[in-house]
């Protein structure tokens, strides 16, 4: 799921998920079951019949996440999945990600919110100027991730204001 997904805004949430479900060759009954589940998980059951052009930024972010997990993948890539969400939406998505993790799914997510990394991830990597400069388990941190991150950025010449 990219941070800014292109969505067919003339479709309803339901239609958008139907459209995406066809890419995965889901049966009609499986698609209906999964749509109901993911819409509930992202808190959009009430808005399933509304056109995407009426959705707020946070709602669009959540329907994008619903689309990303519609086919129940084992491996999930998310770019800034909580961007534009209010505190309730952030908590909902954080809990969903933790639930997916508990269910054995592997999630790669990109974020600038380091507290989310500490709360959700088992391990993390730090990229500076396109290079992976650190990779480790969150449990092995001996200080706040923000401090560790700033140290690594400084060591590798990143973080300069342009």
C-alpha atoms as a PDB file:
ATOM      1  CA  UNK A   1       0.000   0.000   0.000  1.00  0.00           C
ATOM      2  CA  UNK A   2       1.618   3.261  -1.063  1.00  0.00           C
ATOM      3  CA  UNK A   3       1.246   6.315   1.157  1.00  0.00           C
ATOM      4  CA  UNK A   4      -0.789   8.150  -1.469  1.00  0.00           C
ATOM      5  CA  UNK A   5      -2.783   5.563  -3.318  1.00  0.00           C
ATOM      6  CA  UNK A   6      -4.566   6.282  -6.551  1.00  0.00           C
ATOM      7  CA  UNK A   7      -8.165   5.320  -5.995  1.00  0.00           C
ATOM      8  CA  UNK A   8     -11.023   5.314  -8.461  1.00  0.00           C
ATOM      9  CA  UNK A   9     -12.980   7.974  -6.611  1.00  0.00           C
ATOM     10  CA  UNK A  10     -16.180   7.463  -8.606  1.00  0.00           C
ATOM     11  CA  UNK A  11     -16.480   3.995  -7.040  1.00  0.00           C
ATOM     12  CA  UNK A  12     -17.977   3.258  -3.648  1.00  0.00           C
ATOM     13  CA  UNK A  13     -15.840   1.546  -1.031  1.00  0.00           C
ATOM     14  CA  UNK A  14     -17.675  -1.702  -1.793  1.00  0.00           C
ATOM     15  CA  UNK A  15     -17.129  -1.361  -5.544  1.00  0.00           C
ATOM     16  CA  UNK A  16     -13.463  -0.521  -5.052  1.00  0.00           C
ATOM     17  CA  UNK A  17     -12.926  -3.697  -3.042  1.00  0.00           C
ATOM     18  CA  UNK A  18     -14.930  -5.729  -5.575  1.00  0.00           C
ATOM     19  CA  UNK A  19     -12.690  -4.373  -8.340  1.00  0.00           C
ATOM     20  CA  UNK A  20      -9.532  -5.269  -6.415  1.00  0.00           C
ATOM     21  CA  UNK A  21     -10.853  -8.671  -5.377  1.00  0.00           C
ATOM     22  CA  UNK A  22     -11.020  -9.655  -9.044  1.00  0.00           C
ATOM     23  CA  UNK A  23      -7.223  -9.306  -9.300  1.00  0.00           C
ATOM     24  CA  UNK A  24      -6.925 -12.107  -6.765  1.00  0.00           C
ATOM     25  CA  UNK A  25      -9.466 -14.373  -8.498  1.00  0.00           C
ATOM     26  CA  UNK A  26     -11.548 -14.529  -5.333  1.00  0.00           C
ATOM     27  CA  UNK A  27     -14.883 -16.310  -5.517  1.00  0.00           C
ATOM     28  CA  UNK A  28     -17.945 -14.153  -4.984  1.00  0.00           C
ATOM     29  CA  UNK A  29     -18.664 -15.703  -1.579  1.00  0.00           C
ATOM     30  CA  UNK A  30     -15.030 -15.396  -0.453  1.00  0.00           C
ATOM     31  CA  UNK A  31     -14.895 -11.782  -1.634  1.00  0.00           C
ATOM     32  CA  UNK A  32     -18.095 -10.901   0.221  1.00  0.00           C
ATOM     33  CA  UNK A  33     -16.782 -12.528   3.410  1.00  0.00           C
ATOM     34  CA  UNK A  34     -13.373 -10.827   3.182  1.00  0.00           C
ATOM     35  CA  UNK A  35     -14.882  -7.428   2.298  1.00  0.00           C
ATOM     36  CA  UNK A  36     -17.108  -7.536   5.358  1.00  0.00           C
ATOM     37  CA  UNK A  37     -14.147  -8.475   7.544  1.00  0.00           C
ATOM     38  CA  UNK A  38     -11.675  -5.883   6.249  1.00  0.00           C
ATOM     39  CA  UNK A  39     -14.249  -3.075   6.227  1.00  0.00           C
ATOM     40  CA  UNK A  40     -14.991  -3.876   9.871  1.00  0.00           C
ATOM     41  CA  UNK A  41     -11.259  -4.039  10.680  1.00  0.00           C
ATOM     42  CA  UNK A  42     -10.594  -0.589   9.218  1.00  0.00           C
ATOM     43  CA  UNK A  43     -13.785   0.945  10.620  1.00  0.00           C
ATOM     44  CA  UNK A  44     -15.473   1.645   7.295  1.00  0.00           C
ATOM     45  CA  UNK A  45     -18.488  -0.675   7.306  1.00  0.00           C
ATOM     46  CA  UNK A  46     -20.733   2.362   7.651  1.00  0.00           C
ATOM     47  CA  UNK A  47     -19.182   4.035   4.582  1.00  0.00           C
ATOM     48  CA  UNK A  48     -19.044   1.061   2.213  1.00  0.00           C
ATOM     49  CA  UNK A  49     -21.812   2.490   0.001  1.00  0.00           C
ATOM     50  CA  UNK A  50     -20.364   5.996  -0.213  1.00  0.00           C
ATOM     51  CA  UNK A  51     -18.269   7.130  -3.169  1.00  0.00           C
ATOM     52  CA  UNK A  52     -14.565   7.419  -2.454  1.00  0.00           C
ATOM     53  CA  UNK A  53     -14.605  11.085  -3.516  1.00  0.00           C
ATOM     54  CA  UNK A  54     -16.630  11.774  -0.349  1.00  0.00           C
ATOM     55  CA  UNK A  55     -14.099  10.037   1.933  1.00  0.00           C
ATOM     56  CA  UNK A  56     -11.760  12.059   4.148  1.00  0.00           C
ATOM     57  CA  UNK A  57      -7.977  11.586   3.826  1.00  0.00           C
ATOM     58  CA  UNK A  58      -8.030   9.221   6.786  1.00  0.00           C
ATOM     59  CA  UNK A  59     -10.888   7.200   5.308  1.00  0.00           C
ATOM     60  CA  UNK A  60      -9.008   6.920   2.000  1.00  0.00           C
ATOM     61  CA  UNK A  61      -5.967   5.700   3.905  1.00  0.00           C
ATOM     62  CA  UNK A  62      -8.076   3.070   5.645  1.00  0.00           C
ATOM     63  CA  UNK A  63      -9.783   1.838   2.432  1.00  0.00           C
ATOM     64  CA  UNK A  64      -6.289   1.547   0.904  1.00  0.00           C
ATOM     65  CA  UNK A  65      -5.278  -0.665   3.816  1.00  0.00           C
ATOM     66  CA  UNK A  66      -8.480  -2.711   3.414  1.00  0.00           C
ATOM     67  CA  UNK A  67      -7.539  -3.252  -0.233  1.00  0.00           C
ATOM     68  CA  UNK A  68      -4.000  -4.297   0.761  1.00  0.00           C
ATOM     69  CA  UNK A  69      -5.214  -7.039   3.093  1.00  0.00           C
ATOM     70  CA  UNK A  70      -8.358  -8.055   1.180  1.00  0.00           C
ATOM     71  CA  UNK A  71      -6.802 -11.250  -0.181  1.00  0.00           C
ATOM     72  CA  UNK A  72      -5.309 -12.243   3.199  1.00  0.00           C
ATOM     73  CA  UNK A  73      -1.645 -12.023   2.152  1.00  0.00           C
ATOM     74  CA  UNK A  74       1.199 -13.518   4.166  1.00  0.00           C
ATOM     75  CA  UNK A  75       3.494 -10.597   3.279  1.00  0.00           C
ATOM     76  CA  UNK A  76       2.268  -7.003   3.504  1.00  0.00           C
ATOM     77  CA  UNK A  77       4.106  -3.829   2.448  1.00  0.00           C
ATOM     78  CA  UNK A  78       2.747  -0.558   3.845  1.00  0.00           C
ATOM     79  CA  UNK A  79       4.107   2.942   3.257  1.00  0.00           C
ATOM     80  CA  UNK A  80       3.117   5.366   6.009  1.00  0.00           C
ATOM     81  CA  UNK A  81      -0.078   3.432   6.842  1.00  0.00           C
ATOM     82  CA  UNK A  82      -1.134   5.889   9.548  1.00  0.00           C
ATOM     83  CA  UNK A  83      -0.551   9.079   7.565  1.00  0.00           C
ATOM     84  CA  UNK A  84      -3.488  11.456   7.834  1.00  0.00           C
ATOM     85  CA  UNK A  85      -5.297   9.478  10.506  1.00  0.00           C
ATOM     86  CA  UNK A  86      -6.808  10.980  13.626  1.00  0.00           C
ATOM     87  CA  UNK A  87      -5.928   9.397  17.006  1.00  0.00           C
ATOM     88  CA  UNK A  88      -8.861   6.960  16.829  1.00  0.00           C
ATOM     89  CA  UNK A  89      -7.920   5.891  13.291  1.00  0.00           C
ATOM     90  CA  UNK A  90      -4.255   5.542  14.265  1.00  0.00           C
ATOM     91  CA  UNK A  91      -5.163   3.293  17.181  1.00  0.00           C
ATOM     92  CA  UNK A  92      -7.442   1.207  14.979  1.00  0.00           C
ATOM     93  CA  UNK A  93      -4.721   0.686  12.355  1.00  0.00           C
ATOM     94  CA  UNK A  94      -2.062   0.038  14.991  1.00  0.00           C
ATOM     95  CA  UNK A  95      -4.279  -2.615  16.587  1.00  0.00           C
ATOM     96  CA  UNK A  96      -4.991  -4.105  13.152  1.00  0.00           C
ATOM     97  CA  UNK A  97      -1.273  -4.311  12.377  1.00  0.00           C
ATOM     98  CA  UNK A  98      -0.602  -5.961  15.744  1.00  0.00           C
ATOM     99  CA  UNK A  99      -3.408  -8.433  15.033  1.00  0.00           C
ATOM    100  CA  UNK A 100      -1.938  -9.254  11.628  1.00  0.00           C
ATOM    101  CA  UNK A 101       1.459  -9.712  13.243  1.00  0.00           C
ATOM    102  CA  UNK A 102      -0.045 -12.019  15.882  1.00  0.00           C
ATOM    103  CA  UNK A 103      -1.696 -14.018  13.076  1.00  0.00           C
ATOM    104  CA  UNK A 104       1.770 -14.680  11.654  1.00  0.00           C
ATOM    105  CA  UNK A 105       1.753 -12.129   8.846  1.00  0.00           C
ATOM    106  CA  UNK A 106       5.007 -10.419   7.906  1.00  0.00           C
ATOM    107  CA  UNK A 107       4.608  -6.656   7.627  1.00  0.00           C
ATOM    108  CA  UNK A 108       7.156  -4.254   6.212  1.00  0.00           C
ATOM    109  CA  UNK A 109       6.193  -0.708   6.891  1.00  0.00           C
ATOM    110  CA  UNK A 110       7.822   2.597   6.247  1.00  0.00           C
ATOM    111  CA  UNK A 111       7.226   5.357   8.740  1.00  0.00           C
ATOM    112  CA  UNK A 112       8.742   8.490  10.165  1.00  0.00           C
ATOM    113  CA  UNK A 113       6.929   7.964  13.457  1.00  0.00           C
ATOM    114  CA  UNK A 114       9.549   6.117  15.458  1.00  0.00           C
ATOM    115  CA  UNK A 115       7.248   5.482  18.411  1.00  0.00           C
ATOM    116  CA  UNK A 116       5.098   3.397  16.020  1.00  0.00           C
ATOM    117  CA  UNK A 117       8.167   1.302  15.202  1.00  0.00           C
ATOM    118  CA  UNK A 118       8.867   0.703  18.881  1.00  0.00           C
ATOM    119  CA  UNK A 119       5.227  -0.210  19.568  1.00  0.00           C
ATOM    120  CA  UNK A 120       4.596  -2.464  16.563  1.00  0.00           C
ATOM    121  CA  UNK A 121       7.816  -3.911  15.178  1.00  0.00           C
ATOM    122  CA  UNK A 122      10.043  -6.778  16.200  1.00  0.00           C
ATOM    123  CA  UNK A 123      12.948  -5.382  14.180  1.00  0.00           C
ATOM    124  CA  UNK A 124      13.764  -2.315  12.130  1.00  0.00           C
ATOM    125  CA  UNK A 125      16.179  -0.928   9.591  1.00  0.00           C
ATOM    126  CA  UNK A 126      17.443   2.609   9.128  1.00  0.00           C
ATOM    127  CA  UNK A 127      18.100   3.930   5.634  1.00  0.00           C
ATOM    128  CA  UNK A 128      20.229   7.040   5.138  1.00  0.00           C
ATOM    129  CA  UNK A 129      20.802   8.453   1.643  1.00  0.00           C
ATOM    130  CA  UNK A 130      19.436   5.259   0.108  1.00  0.00           C
ATOM    131  CA  UNK A 131      21.693   2.912   2.086  1.00  0.00           C
ATOM    132  CA  UNK A 132      20.715   0.549   4.867  1.00  0.00           C
ATOM    133  CA  UNK A 133      22.964   1.704   7.718  1.00  0.00           C
ATOM    134  CA  UNK A 134      21.493  -0.241  10.612  1.00  0.00           C
ATOM    135  CA  UNK A 135      19.264  -3.221  11.206  1.00  0.00           C
ATOM    136  CA  UNK A 136      18.360  -4.716  14.563  1.00  0.00           C
ATOM    137  CA  UNK A 137      15.671  -6.034  16.855  1.00  0.00           C
ATOM    138  CA  UNK A 138      13.688  -3.462  18.816  1.00  0.00           C
ATOM    139  CA  UNK A 139      14.305  -5.540  21.980  1.00  0.00           C
ATOM    140  CA  UNK A 140      18.055  -4.973  21.607  1.00  0.00           C
ATOM    141  CA  UNK A 141      17.793  -1.179  21.829  1.00  0.00           C
ATOM    142  CA  UNK A 142      19.528   0.225  24.901  1.00  0.00           C
ATOM    143  CA  UNK A 143      18.014   3.700  24.465  1.00  0.00           C
ATOM    144  CA  UNK A 144      14.991   5.280  22.775  1.00  0.00           C
ATOM    145  CA  UNK A 145      14.835   4.554  19.056  1.00  0.00           C
ATOM    146  CA  UNK A 146      14.754   8.274  18.287  1.00  0.00           C
ATOM    147  CA  UNK A 147      18.160   8.742  19.963  1.00  0.00           C
ATOM    148  CA  UNK A 148      19.590   5.698  18.177  1.00  0.00           C
ATOM    149  CA  UNK A 149      18.160   6.897  14.861  1.00  0.00           C
ATOM    150  CA  UNK A 150      19.660  10.386  15.234  1.00  0.00           C
ATOM    151  CA  UNK A 151      23.048   8.870  16.066  1.00  0.00           C
ATOM    152  CA  UNK A 152      22.994   6.700  12.921  1.00  0.00           C
ATOM    153  CA  UNK A 153      21.855   9.557  10.703  1.00  0.00           C
ATOM    154  CA  UNK A 154      24.646  11.786  12.026  1.00  0.00           C
ATOM    155  CA  UNK A 155      27.268   9.018  11.604  1.00  0.00           C
ATOM    156  CA  UNK A 156      26.307   8.619   7.972  1.00  0.00           C
ATOM    157  CA  UNK A 157      26.044  12.292   7.036  1.00  0.00           C
ATOM    158  CA  UNK A 158      22.292  12.409   6.692  1.00  0.00           C
ATOM    159  CA  UNK A 159      19.776  14.786   8.144  1.00  0.00           C
ATOM    160  CA  UNK A 160      21.196  17.974   6.611  1.00  0.00           C
ATOM    161  CA  UNK A 161      18.668  20.686   5.960  1.00  0.00           C
ATOM    162  CA  UNK A 162      18.350  21.551   2.286  1.00  0.00           C
END
